[in-house]
Amino acid sequence: MAEDSLLTEYLAITENTAKLSDRRQTVSDLFLGVNSLFLAAAGFVAVSNRLTSWWAVAIVIAITGIACIINSIWYRLIGRYRALINLRIRYLEGLEVALQESGVFGPLTLSSEDGKDKHAVLRGVYLIEKKSDLYSKGAKMGFFKLERDLVATFFVAFFLLAVASGVLTYLVTAQILSPLIITLPIGG
């Protein structure tokens, strides 16, 4: 009977972890969309006046400031979701050990990716993943690092756009460069 309650708990926490992971992905998708929208808006404002107005530079800087606040929130959320999901995974690993010891999770034969080698392992996907090199400290690109790098890329993109907007506007207003010429195709 204890094995049944352990398995029920394992299944419930696995489902809860999957939902939390889905919510994390939805949050990242939302922030990715907001960043894309803000970056496009900042770019449009930067060139819409042909780089002749300091007001456009001020607006680009304001958009950059708002985006930086949004991205700092995203950065912190990624860390919190990672901590919550990792806690659940460690708990699930413990449950897998208990289920192995009780005999509910017996041995399982796995094939290698190429299908040539087969080896027996104890059941428990989280324990198997932990033994793999997917999440090791030596792994070049973990999910968490990739997410954080994406946020950092947006920080840099906004900063570069604001600086470029200011420098180009200075060069145009100082008459070192001629104003930007924007041509739109006519007809369809």
N, C-alpha and C. Protein backbone atom coordinates (compact mmCIF):
# COMPACT_ATOMS: atom_id res chain seq x y z
N MET A 1 0.81 -1.20 0.00
CA MET A 1 0.00 0.00 0.00
C MET A 1 0.86 1.27 0.00
N ALA A 2 1.98 1.21 0.69
CA ALA A 2 2.86 2.38 0.73
C ALA A 2 3.40 2.68 -0.67
N GLU A 3 3.61 1.58 -1.45
CA GLU A 3 4.11 1.76 -2.81
C GLU A 3 3.08 2.50 -3.66
N ASP A 4 1.79 2.19 -3.45
CA ASP A 4 0.74 2.87 -4.20
C ASP A 4 0.70 4.37 -3.89
N SER A 5 0.86 4.71 -2.62
CA SER A 5 0.84 6.13 -2.26
C SER A 5 2.08 6.85 -2.79
N LEU A 6 3.24 6.14 -2.78
CA LEU A 6 4.45 6.72 -3.35
C LEU A 6 4.28 6.97 -4.85
N LEU A 7 3.71 6.00 -5.55
CA LEU A 7 3.51 6.14 -6.99
C LEU A 7 2.50 7.23 -7.29
N THR A 8 1.45 7.32 -6.51
CA THR A 8 0.45 8.37 -6.69
C THR A 8 1.08 9.75 -6.47
N GLU A 9 1.88 9.86 -5.42
CA GLU A 9 2.58 11.12 -5.14
C GLU A 9 3.54 11.46 -6.28
N TYR A 10 4.27 10.44 -6.77
CA TYR A 10 5.20 10.64 -7.87
C TYR A 10 4.48 11.16 -9.11
N LEU A 11 3.39 10.53 -9.46
CA LEU A 11 2.63 10.96 -10.64
C LEU A 11 2.07 12.37 -10.49
N ALA A 12 1.58 12.69 -9.30
CA ALA A 12 1.02 14.03 -9.07
C ALA A 12 2.11 15.10 -9.17
N ILE A 13 3.26 14.84 -8.57
CA ILE A 13 4.34 15.83 -8.61
C ILE A 13 4.92 15.94 -10.01
N THR A 14 4.99 14.82 -10.74
CA THR A 14 5.46 14.86 -12.12
C THR A 14 4.54 15.74 -12.97
N GLU A 15 3.25 15.57 -12.79
CA GLU A 15 2.28 16.39 -13.54
C GLU A 15 2.40 17.86 -13.15
N ASN A 16 2.54 18.13 -11.86
CA ASN A 16 2.69 19.50 -11.39
C ASN A 16 3.97 20.14 -11.92
N THR A 17 5.05 19.37 -12.00
CA THR A 17 6.32 19.87 -12.52
C THR A 17 6.19 20.19 -14.00
N ALA A 18 5.49 19.35 -14.74
CA ALA A 18 5.28 19.59 -16.16
C ALA A 18 4.47 20.88 -16.37
N LYS A 19 3.46 21.09 -15.53
CA LYS A 19 2.66 22.32 -15.64
C LYS A 19 3.50 23.56 -15.32
N LEU A 20 4.35 23.44 -14.30
CA LEU A 20 5.22 24.55 -13.94
C LEU A 20 6.21 24.85 -15.07
N SER A 21 6.73 23.80 -15.69
CA SER A 21 7.65 23.98 -16.80
C SER A 21 6.94 24.63 -17.99
N ASP A 22 5.69 24.23 -18.24
CA ASP A 22 4.90 24.86 -19.31
C ASP A 22 4.66 26.33 -19.01
N ARG A 23 4.37 26.64 -17.75
CA ARG A 23 4.15 28.04 -17.36
C ARG A 23 5.43 28.85 -17.54
N ARG A 24 6.55 28.26 -17.20
CA ARG A 24 7.85 28.93 -17.41
C ARG A 24 8.05 29.24 -18.89
N GLN A 25 7.73 28.28 -19.76
CA GLN A 25 7.88 28.50 -21.19
C GLN A 25 6.92 29.58 -21.69
N THR A 26 5.71 29.60 -21.18
CA THR A 26 4.74 30.63 -21.56
C THR A 26 5.22 32.01 -21.15
N VAL A 27 5.78 32.12 -19.96
CA VAL A 27 6.32 33.40 -19.49
C VAL A 27 7.46 33.85 -20.40
N SER A 28 8.35 32.94 -20.74
CA SER A 28 9.47 33.29 -21.63
C SER A 28 8.95 33.70 -23.00
N ASP A 29 7.95 33.01 -23.52
CA ASP A 29 7.36 33.38 -24.81
C ASP A 29 6.76 34.78 -24.76
N LEU A 30 6.08 35.09 -23.65
CA LEU A 30 5.49 36.41 -23.48
C LEU A 30 6.57 37.50 -23.47
N PHE A 31 7.62 37.29 -22.67
CA PHE A 31 8.69 38.28 -22.59
C PHE A 31 9.44 38.40 -23.92
N LEU A 32 9.59 37.30 -24.63
CA LEU A 32 10.24 37.35 -25.94
C LEU A 32 9.41 38.20 -26.90
N GLY A 33 8.09 38.02 -26.88
CA GLY A 33 7.21 38.83 -27.72
C GLY A 33 7.23 40.30 -27.36
N VAL A 34 7.18 40.60 -26.07
CA VAL A 34 7.21 41.99 -25.62
C VAL A 34 8.53 42.65 -26.02
N ASN A 35 9.64 41.94 -25.86
CA ASN A 35 10.94 42.48 -26.26
C ASN A 35 10.99 42.73 -27.76
N SER A 36 10.48 41.82 -28.54
CA SER A 36 10.48 42.00 -30.00
C SER A 36 9.67 43.22 -30.38
N LEU A 37 8.52 43.39 -29.74
CA LEU A 37 7.66 44.54 -30.00
C LEU A 37 8.36 45.85 -29.61
N PHE A 38 8.95 45.89 -28.43
CA PHE A 38 9.64 47.09 -27.97
C PHE A 38 10.86 47.41 -28.84
N LEU A 39 11.59 46.39 -29.25
CA LEU A 39 12.77 46.61 -30.09
C LEU A 39 12.36 47.15 -31.46
N ALA A 40 11.28 46.60 -32.01
CA ALA A 40 10.77 47.11 -33.29
C ALA A 40 10.28 48.55 -33.15
N ALA A 41 9.59 48.84 -32.06
CA ALA A 41 9.10 50.21 -31.83
C ALA A 41 10.27 51.18 -31.67
N ALA A 42 11.28 50.80 -30.93
CA ALA A 42 12.44 51.67 -30.75
C ALA A 42 13.16 51.91 -32.07
N GLY A 43 13.30 50.86 -32.87
CA GLY A 43 13.92 51.01 -34.18
C GLY A 43 13.12 51.91 -35.10
N PHE A 44 11.79 51.76 -35.06
CA PHE A 44 10.92 52.60 -35.89
C PHE A 44 11.03 54.06 -35.47
N VAL A 45 10.99 54.32 -34.18
CA VAL A 45 11.09 55.69 -33.69
C VAL A 45 12.46 56.28 -34.06
N ALA A 46 13.50 55.48 -33.96
CA ALA A 46 14.85 55.96 -34.24
C ALA A 46 15.00 56.47 -35.67
N VAL A 47 14.36 55.79 -36.61
CA VAL A 47 14.54 56.18 -38.02
C VAL A 47 13.36 56.96 -38.60
N SER A 48 12.27 57.03 -37.88
CA SER A 48 11.05 57.65 -38.44
C SER A 48 11.22 59.14 -38.74
N ASN A 49 12.09 59.82 -38.05
CA ASN A 49 12.28 61.25 -38.28
C ASN A 49 13.56 61.53 -39.06
N ARG A 50 14.09 60.47 -39.68
CA ARG A 50 15.29 60.56 -40.52
C ARG A 50 16.53 60.95 -39.71
N LEU A 51 16.52 60.62 -38.42
CA LEU A 51 17.64 60.88 -37.50
C LEU A 51 17.94 62.37 -37.36
N THR A 52 16.87 63.18 -37.35
CA THR A 52 17.07 64.63 -37.23
C THR A 52 16.53 65.20 -35.93
N SER A 53 15.90 64.40 -35.08
CA SER A 53 15.27 64.93 -33.87
C SER A 53 15.80 64.25 -32.61
N TRP A 54 16.13 65.08 -31.63
CA TRP A 54 16.57 64.56 -30.34
C TRP A 54 15.40 63.99 -29.55
N TRP A 55 14.17 64.39 -29.90
CA TRP A 55 13.00 63.80 -29.25
C TRP A 55 12.93 62.31 -29.52
N ALA A 56 13.25 61.91 -30.74
CA ALA A 56 13.25 60.48 -31.08
C ALA A 56 14.28 59.73 -30.25
N VAL A 57 15.44 60.33 -30.05
CA VAL A 57 16.47 59.71 -29.23
C VAL A 57 15.96 59.56 -27.79
N ALA A 58 15.30 60.58 -27.28
CA ALA A 58 14.74 60.52 -25.93
C ALA A 58 13.70 59.40 -25.81
N ILE A 59 12.88 59.25 -26.85
CA ILE A 59 11.87 58.19 -26.83
C ILE A 59 12.54 56.82 -26.88
N VAL A 60 13.57 56.68 -27.71
CA VAL A 60 14.30 55.40 -27.79
C VAL A 60 14.94 55.08 -26.44
N ILE A 61 15.50 56.08 -25.78
CA ILE A 61 16.10 55.87 -24.46
C ILE A 61 15.02 55.48 -23.44
N ALA A 62 13.85 56.10 -23.53
CA ALA A 62 12.75 55.73 -22.62
C ALA A 62 12.29 54.29 -22.87
N ILE A 63 12.16 53.93 -24.13
CA ILE A 63 11.78 52.54 -24.46
C ILE A 63 12.84 51.58 -23.94
N THR A 64 14.11 51.95 -24.10
CA THR A 64 15.21 51.11 -23.61
C THR A 64 15.14 50.96 -22.09
N GLY A 65 14.85 52.05 -21.39
CA GLY A 65 14.72 51.97 -19.93
C GLY A 65 13.59 51.05 -19.50
N ILE A 66 12.45 51.18 -20.15
CA ILE A 66 11.31 50.31 -19.83
C ILE A 66 11.65 48.86 -20.13
N ALA A 67 12.29 48.63 -21.29
CA ALA A 67 12.67 47.27 -21.67
C ALA A 67 13.67 46.68 -20.67
N CYS A 68 14.57 47.50 -20.16
CA CYS A 68 15.54 47.00 -19.18
C CYS A 68 14.84 46.59 -17.88
N ILE A 69 13.85 47.35 -17.47
CA ILE A 69 13.07 46.98 -16.28
C ILE A 69 12.35 45.66 -16.53
N ILE A 70 11.70 45.54 -17.68
CA ILE A 70 10.99 44.31 -18.04
C ILE A 70 11.96 43.13 -18.09
N ASN A 71 13.13 43.35 -18.69
CA ASN A 71 14.09 42.26 -18.81
C ASN A 71 14.69 41.86 -17.47
N SER A 72 14.84 42.81 -16.56
CA SER A 72 15.34 42.44 -15.23
C SER A 72 14.31 41.57 -14.50
N ILE A 73 13.03 41.85 -14.71
CA ILE A 73 11.98 41.01 -14.14
C ILE A 73 12.04 39.61 -14.76
N TRP A 74 12.18 39.55 -16.07
CA TRP A 74 12.28 38.27 -16.78
C TRP A 74 13.49 37.49 -16.27
N TYR A 75 14.61 38.15 -16.10
CA TYR A 75 15.84 37.52 -15.63
C TYR A 75 15.62 36.88 -14.25
N ARG A 76 14.97 37.61 -13.36
CA ARG A 76 14.69 37.07 -12.02
C ARG A 76 13.68 35.93 -12.07
N LEU A 77 12.66 36.05 -12.93
CA LEU A 77 11.67 34.98 -13.05
C LEU A 77 12.30 33.68 -13.54
N ILE A 78 13.22 33.79 -14.48
CA ILE A 78 13.90 32.59 -14.98
C ILE A 78 14.60 31.89 -13.82
N GLY A 79 15.26 32.65 -12.98
CA GLY A 79 15.95 32.06 -11.82
C GLY A 79 14.99 31.41 -10.84
N ARG A 80 13.87 32.06 -10.60
CA ARG A 80 12.90 31.48 -9.66
C ARG A 80 12.26 30.21 -10.20
N TYR A 81 11.90 30.23 -11.48
CA TYR A 81 11.34 29.02 -12.09
C TYR A 81 12.36 27.88 -12.06
N ARG A 82 13.61 28.20 -12.33
CA ARG A 82 14.65 27.18 -12.30
C ARG A 82 14.74 26.57 -10.90
N ALA A 83 14.75 27.41 -9.88
CA ALA A 83 14.85 26.92 -8.51
C ALA A 83 13.65 26.04 -8.15
N LEU A 84 12.45 26.48 -8.53
CA LEU A 84 11.24 25.69 -8.22
C LEU A 84 11.24 24.35 -8.94
N ILE A 85 11.60 24.37 -10.21
CA ILE A 85 11.60 23.12 -10.98
C ILE A 85 12.70 22.19 -10.48
N ASN A 86 13.89 22.74 -10.19
CA ASN A 86 14.98 21.90 -9.67
C ASN A 86 14.61 21.26 -8.33
N LEU A 87 13.93 22.02 -7.47
CA LEU A 87 13.49 21.46 -6.19
C LEU A 87 12.56 20.27 -6.42
N ARG A 88 11.61 20.42 -7.32
CA ARG A 88 10.68 19.33 -7.62
C ARG A 88 11.41 18.14 -8.23
N ILE A 89 12.37 18.39 -9.10
CA ILE A 89 13.10 17.30 -9.72
C ILE A 89 13.92 16.54 -8.69
N ARG A 90 14.56 17.25 -7.78
CA ARG A 90 15.31 16.57 -6.72
C ARG A 90 14.37 15.72 -5.85
N TYR A 91 13.19 16.24 -5.58
CA TYR A 91 12.20 15.49 -4.81
C TYR A 91 11.76 14.25 -5.58
N LEU A 92 11.53 14.42 -6.88
CA LEU A 92 11.14 13.27 -7.72
C LEU A 92 12.25 12.23 -7.78
N GLU A 93 13.50 12.67 -7.81
CA GLU A 93 14.62 11.73 -7.78
C GLU A 93 14.57 10.90 -6.50
N GLY A 94 14.29 11.56 -5.38
CA GLY A 94 14.16 10.84 -4.11
C GLY A 94 13.02 9.84 -4.14
N LEU A 95 11.90 10.24 -4.72
CA LEU A 95 10.78 9.31 -4.85
C LEU A 95 11.15 8.13 -5.77
N GLU A 96 11.91 8.40 -6.82
CA GLU A 96 12.33 7.31 -7.71
C GLU A 96 13.19 6.30 -6.97
N VAL A 97 14.09 6.78 -6.11
CA VAL A 97 14.92 5.87 -5.31
C VAL A 97 14.02 5.03 -4.40
N ALA A 98 13.05 5.68 -3.76
CA ALA A 98 12.13 4.95 -2.88
C ALA A 98 11.31 3.93 -3.67
N LEU A 99 10.89 4.30 -4.87
CA LEU A 99 10.11 3.37 -5.71
C LEU A 99 10.99 2.22 -6.21
N GLN A 100 12.27 2.48 -6.45
CA GLN A 100 13.19 1.40 -6.83
C GLN A 100 13.39 0.43 -5.67
N GLU A 101 13.59 1.01 -4.49
CA GLU A 101 13.82 0.17 -3.31
C GLU A 101 12.61 -0.67 -2.95
N SER A 102 11.42 -0.15 -3.24
CA SER A 102 10.20 -0.92 -2.94
C SER A 102 9.87 -1.91 -4.05
N GLY A 103 10.60 -1.87 -5.15
CA GLY A 103 10.36 -2.81 -6.24
C GLY A 103 9.38 -2.34 -7.29
N VAL A 104 8.76 -1.19 -7.11
CA VAL A 104 7.80 -0.68 -8.09
C VAL A 104 8.53 -0.29 -9.37
N PHE A 105 9.68 0.32 -9.24
CA PHE A 105 10.50 0.70 -10.40
C PHE A 105 11.61 -0.33 -10.54
N GLY A 106 11.36 -1.37 -11.32
CA GLY A 106 12.37 -2.39 -11.57
C GLY A 106 13.29 -1.99 -12.71
N PRO A 107 14.23 -2.87 -13.05
CA PRO A 107 15.18 -2.55 -14.12
C PRO A 107 14.46 -2.38 -15.47
N LEU A 108 15.12 -1.61 -16.32
CA LEU A 108 14.58 -1.30 -17.64
C LEU A 108 15.76 -1.34 -18.61
N THR A 109 15.54 -1.89 -19.82
CA THR A 109 16.61 -1.93 -20.81
C THR A 109 16.45 -0.76 -21.76
N LEU A 110 17.54 0.03 -21.87
CA LEU A 110 17.55 1.19 -22.76
C LEU A 110 18.55 0.96 -23.88
N SER A 111 18.22 1.49 -25.06
CA SER A 111 19.15 1.45 -26.19
C SER A 111 19.86 2.79 -26.26
N SER A 112 21.06 2.77 -26.82
CA SER A 112 21.78 4.02 -27.05
C SER A 112 21.08 4.77 -28.19
N GLU A 113 21.48 6.02 -28.41
CA GLU A 113 20.84 6.81 -29.46
C GLU A 113 20.94 6.15 -30.82
N ASP A 114 22.06 5.53 -31.10
CA ASP A 114 22.23 4.88 -32.40
C ASP A 114 21.59 3.50 -32.45
N GLY A 115 21.10 3.01 -31.31
CA GLY A 115 20.40 1.74 -31.24
C GLY A 115 21.32 0.53 -31.17
N LYS A 116 22.62 0.72 -31.15
CA LYS A 116 23.56 -0.40 -31.17
C LYS A 116 23.76 -1.01 -29.79
N ASP A 117 23.88 -0.17 -28.78
CA ASP A 117 24.15 -0.67 -27.43
C ASP A 117 22.87 -0.68 -26.61
N LYS A 118 22.74 -1.73 -25.80
CA LYS A 118 21.61 -1.82 -24.87
C LYS A 118 22.18 -2.08 -23.49
N HIS A 119 21.58 -1.41 -22.51
CA HIS A 119 22.03 -1.63 -21.15
C HIS A 119 20.84 -1.48 -20.19
N ALA A 120 20.94 -2.24 -19.10
CA ALA A 120 19.88 -2.20 -18.10
C ALA A 120 20.14 -1.06 -17.13
N VAL A 121 19.08 -0.35 -16.81
CA VAL A 121 19.15 0.73 -15.82
C VAL A 121 17.95 0.59 -14.90
N LEU A 122 18.09 1.18 -13.75
CA LEU A 122 16.92 1.22 -12.87
C LEU A 122 15.97 2.29 -13.38
N ARG A 123 14.70 2.09 -13.20
CA ARG A 123 13.71 3.06 -13.66
C ARG A 123 13.80 4.34 -12.88
N GLY A 124 13.40 5.41 -13.57
CA GLY A 124 13.38 6.73 -12.97
C GLY A 124 14.02 7.71 -13.92
N VAL A 125 13.21 8.36 -14.71
CA VAL A 125 13.74 9.22 -15.76
C VAL A 125 14.59 10.36 -15.20
N TYR A 126 14.25 10.87 -14.05
CA TYR A 126 15.03 11.97 -13.47
C TYR A 126 16.41 11.49 -13.02
N LEU A 127 16.47 10.28 -12.47
CA LEU A 127 17.77 9.73 -12.09
C LEU A 127 18.62 9.42 -13.32
N ILE A 128 17.99 8.93 -14.38
CA ILE A 128 18.72 8.64 -15.62
C ILE A 128 19.24 9.94 -16.23
N GLU A 129 18.39 10.97 -16.26
CA GLU A 129 18.84 12.27 -16.80
C GLU A 129 20.00 12.82 -15.98
N LYS A 130 19.92 12.65 -14.67
CA LYS A 130 20.98 13.18 -13.80
C LYS A 130 22.32 12.51 -14.10
N LYS A 131 22.28 11.21 -14.42
CA LYS A 131 23.51 10.48 -14.72
C LYS A 131 24.05 10.82 -16.11
N SER A 132 23.20 11.35 -16.97
CA SER A 132 23.66 11.72 -18.31
C SER A 132 24.46 13.01 -18.23
N ASP A 133 25.06 13.41 -19.33
CA ASP A 133 25.85 14.63 -19.33
C ASP A 133 25.03 15.85 -19.76
N LEU A 134 23.72 15.70 -19.84
CA LEU A 134 22.87 16.80 -20.29
C LEU A 134 22.90 18.00 -19.34
N TYR A 135 22.96 17.73 -18.05
CA TYR A 135 22.86 18.80 -17.07
C TYR A 135 24.13 18.96 -16.25
N SER A 136 25.20 18.34 -16.66
CA SER A 136 26.43 18.42 -15.88
C SER A 136 27.03 19.82 -15.93
N LYS A 137 27.87 20.09 -14.98
CA LYS A 137 28.52 21.41 -14.93
C LYS A 137 29.39 21.63 -16.16
N GLY A 138 29.87 20.55 -16.76
CA GLY A 138 30.71 20.67 -17.95
C GLY A 138 29.91 20.85 -19.24
N ALA A 139 28.59 20.73 -19.14
CA ALA A 139 27.77 20.89 -20.35
C ALA A 139 27.93 22.32 -20.85
N LYS A 140 28.10 22.46 -22.15
CA LYS A 140 28.38 23.78 -22.71
C LYS A 140 27.18 24.72 -22.64
N MET A 141 26.01 24.25 -22.90
CA MET A 141 24.84 25.12 -22.95
C MET A 141 23.65 24.46 -22.28
N GLY A 142 23.38 24.85 -21.06
CA GLY A 142 22.18 24.37 -20.39
C GLY A 142 21.01 25.28 -20.72
N PHE A 143 19.82 24.81 -20.46
CA PHE A 143 18.62 25.60 -20.75
C PHE A 143 18.63 26.93 -20.01
N PHE A 144 19.02 26.86 -18.74
CA PHE A 144 19.04 28.06 -17.91
C PHE A 144 20.00 29.10 -18.49
N LYS A 145 21.19 28.67 -18.88
CA LYS A 145 22.18 29.58 -19.45
C LYS A 145 21.67 30.17 -20.76
N LEU A 146 21.06 29.35 -21.59
CA LEU A 146 20.53 29.86 -22.86
C LEU A 146 19.44 30.91 -22.63
N GLU A 147 18.56 30.66 -21.66
CA GLU A 147 17.52 31.65 -21.35
C GLU A 147 18.14 32.95 -20.85
N ARG A 148 19.08 32.85 -19.95
CA ARG A 148 19.73 34.06 -19.43
C ARG A 148 20.50 34.79 -20.52
N ASP A 149 21.14 34.03 -21.42
CA ASP A 149 21.85 34.66 -22.55
C ASP A 149 20.90 35.39 -23.48
N LEU A 150 19.69 34.87 -23.64
CA LEU A 150 18.70 35.55 -24.47
C LEU A 150 18.31 36.89 -23.86
N VAL A 151 18.11 36.92 -22.56
CA VAL A 151 17.79 38.18 -21.87
C VAL A 151 18.95 39.16 -22.04
N ALA A 152 20.17 38.67 -21.84
CA ALA A 152 21.35 39.54 -21.98
C ALA A 152 21.46 40.08 -23.41
N THR A 153 21.10 39.27 -24.39
CA THR A 153 21.13 39.72 -25.79
C THR A 153 20.17 40.87 -26.01
N PHE A 154 19.00 40.80 -25.42
CA PHE A 154 18.05 41.91 -25.54
C PHE A 154 18.58 43.16 -24.83
N PHE A 155 19.18 43.00 -23.65
CA PHE A 155 19.78 44.15 -22.97
C PHE A 155 20.78 44.85 -23.89
N VAL A 156 21.66 44.08 -24.49
CA VAL A 156 22.70 44.62 -25.37
C VAL A 156 22.07 45.26 -26.61
N ALA A 157 21.08 44.60 -27.20
CA ALA A 157 20.44 45.14 -28.41
C ALA A 157 19.79 46.49 -28.14
N PHE A 158 19.08 46.61 -27.03
CA PHE A 158 18.46 47.89 -26.69
C PHE A 158 19.51 48.97 -26.45
N PHE A 159 20.56 48.62 -25.72
CA PHE A 159 21.62 49.58 -25.44
C PHE A 159 22.28 50.05 -26.74
N LEU A 160 22.60 49.11 -27.62
CA LEU A 160 23.25 49.47 -28.89
C LEU A 160 22.34 50.33 -29.76
N LEU A 161 21.05 50.02 -29.77
CA LEU A 161 20.11 50.83 -30.56
C LEU A 161 20.02 52.25 -30.01
N ALA A 162 19.98 52.39 -28.68
CA ALA A 162 19.92 53.72 -28.08
C ALA A 162 21.19 54.52 -28.37
N VAL A 163 22.34 53.88 -28.23
CA VAL A 163 23.60 54.57 -28.51
C VAL A 163 23.70 54.93 -29.98
N ALA A 164 23.37 54.00 -30.87
CA ALA A 164 23.45 54.26 -32.31
C ALA A 164 22.49 55.38 -32.70
N SER A 165 21.32 55.38 -32.11
CA SER A 165 20.34 56.43 -32.40
C SER A 165 20.89 57.80 -32.00
N GLY A 166 21.49 57.87 -30.81
CA GLY A 166 22.05 59.13 -30.34
C GLY A 166 23.24 59.58 -31.17
N VAL A 167 24.14 58.69 -31.47
CA VAL A 167 25.34 59.05 -32.25
C VAL A 167 24.95 59.48 -33.66
N LEU A 168 24.08 58.72 -34.31
CA LEU A 168 23.67 59.08 -35.67
C LEU A 168 22.88 60.39 -35.70
N THR A 169 22.04 60.61 -34.71
CA THR A 169 21.32 61.88 -34.65
C THR A 169 22.29 63.04 -34.46
N TYR A 170 23.28 62.84 -33.61
CA TYR A 170 24.31 63.89 -33.44
C TYR A 170 25.01 64.16 -34.78
N LEU A 171 25.41 63.12 -35.47
CA LEU A 171 26.12 63.31 -36.74
C LEU A 171 25.25 63.99 -37.80
N VAL A 172 23.95 63.70 -37.79
CA VAL A 172 23.04 64.34 -38.75
C VAL A 172 22.80 65.80 -38.35
N THR A 173 22.55 66.05 -37.07
CA THR A 173 22.27 67.43 -36.64
C THR A 173 23.52 68.31 -36.73
N ALA A 174 24.71 67.72 -36.63
CA ALA A 174 25.95 68.47 -36.80
C ALA A 174 26.33 68.59 -38.28
N GLN A 175 25.49 68.05 -39.12
CA GLN A 175 25.65 68.08 -40.57
C GLN A 175 26.92 67.38 -41.03
N ILE A 176 27.33 66.37 -40.29
CA ILE A 176 28.45 65.52 -40.70
C ILE A 176 27.92 64.44 -41.64
N LEU A 177 26.70 63.99 -41.36
CA LEU A 177 26.00 63.05 -42.24
C LEU A 177 24.72 63.73 -42.73
N SER A 178 24.26 63.31 -43.89
CA SER A 178 22.98 63.85 -44.37
C SER A 178 21.86 63.05 -43.73
N PRO A 179 20.65 63.64 -43.60
CA PRO A 179 19.53 62.93 -43.00
C PRO A 179 19.24 61.62 -43.74
N LEU A 180 18.74 60.69 -43.01
CA LEU A 180 18.38 59.39 -43.55
C LEU A 180 17.29 59.56 -44.60
N ILE A 181 17.44 58.90 -45.72
CA ILE A 181 16.43 58.95 -46.77
C ILE A 181 15.66 57.64 -46.73
N ILE A 182 14.36 57.77 -46.50
CA ILE A 182 13.51 56.59 -46.42
C ILE A 182 12.64 56.57 -47.68
N THR A 183 12.74 55.50 -48.41
CA THR A 183 11.90 55.36 -49.61
C THR A 183 11.04 54.12 -49.44
N LEU A 184 9.82 54.27 -49.81
CA LEU A 184 8.89 53.16 -49.75
C LEU A 184 8.50 52.76 -51.16
N PRO A 185 8.37 51.48 -51.42
CA PRO A 185 7.96 51.07 -52.76
C PRO A 185 6.54 51.53 -53.04
N ILE A 186 6.30 52.01 -54.24
CA ILE A 186 4.97 52.49 -54.65
C ILE A 186 4.31 51.42 -55.48
N GLY A 187 3.04 51.22 -55.21
CA GLY A 187 2.28 50.24 -55.99
C GLY A 187 2.31 48.89 -55.32
N GLY A 188 1.63 47.98 -55.90
CA GLY A 188 1.57 46.69 -55.24
C GLY A 188 1.56 45.66 -56.21
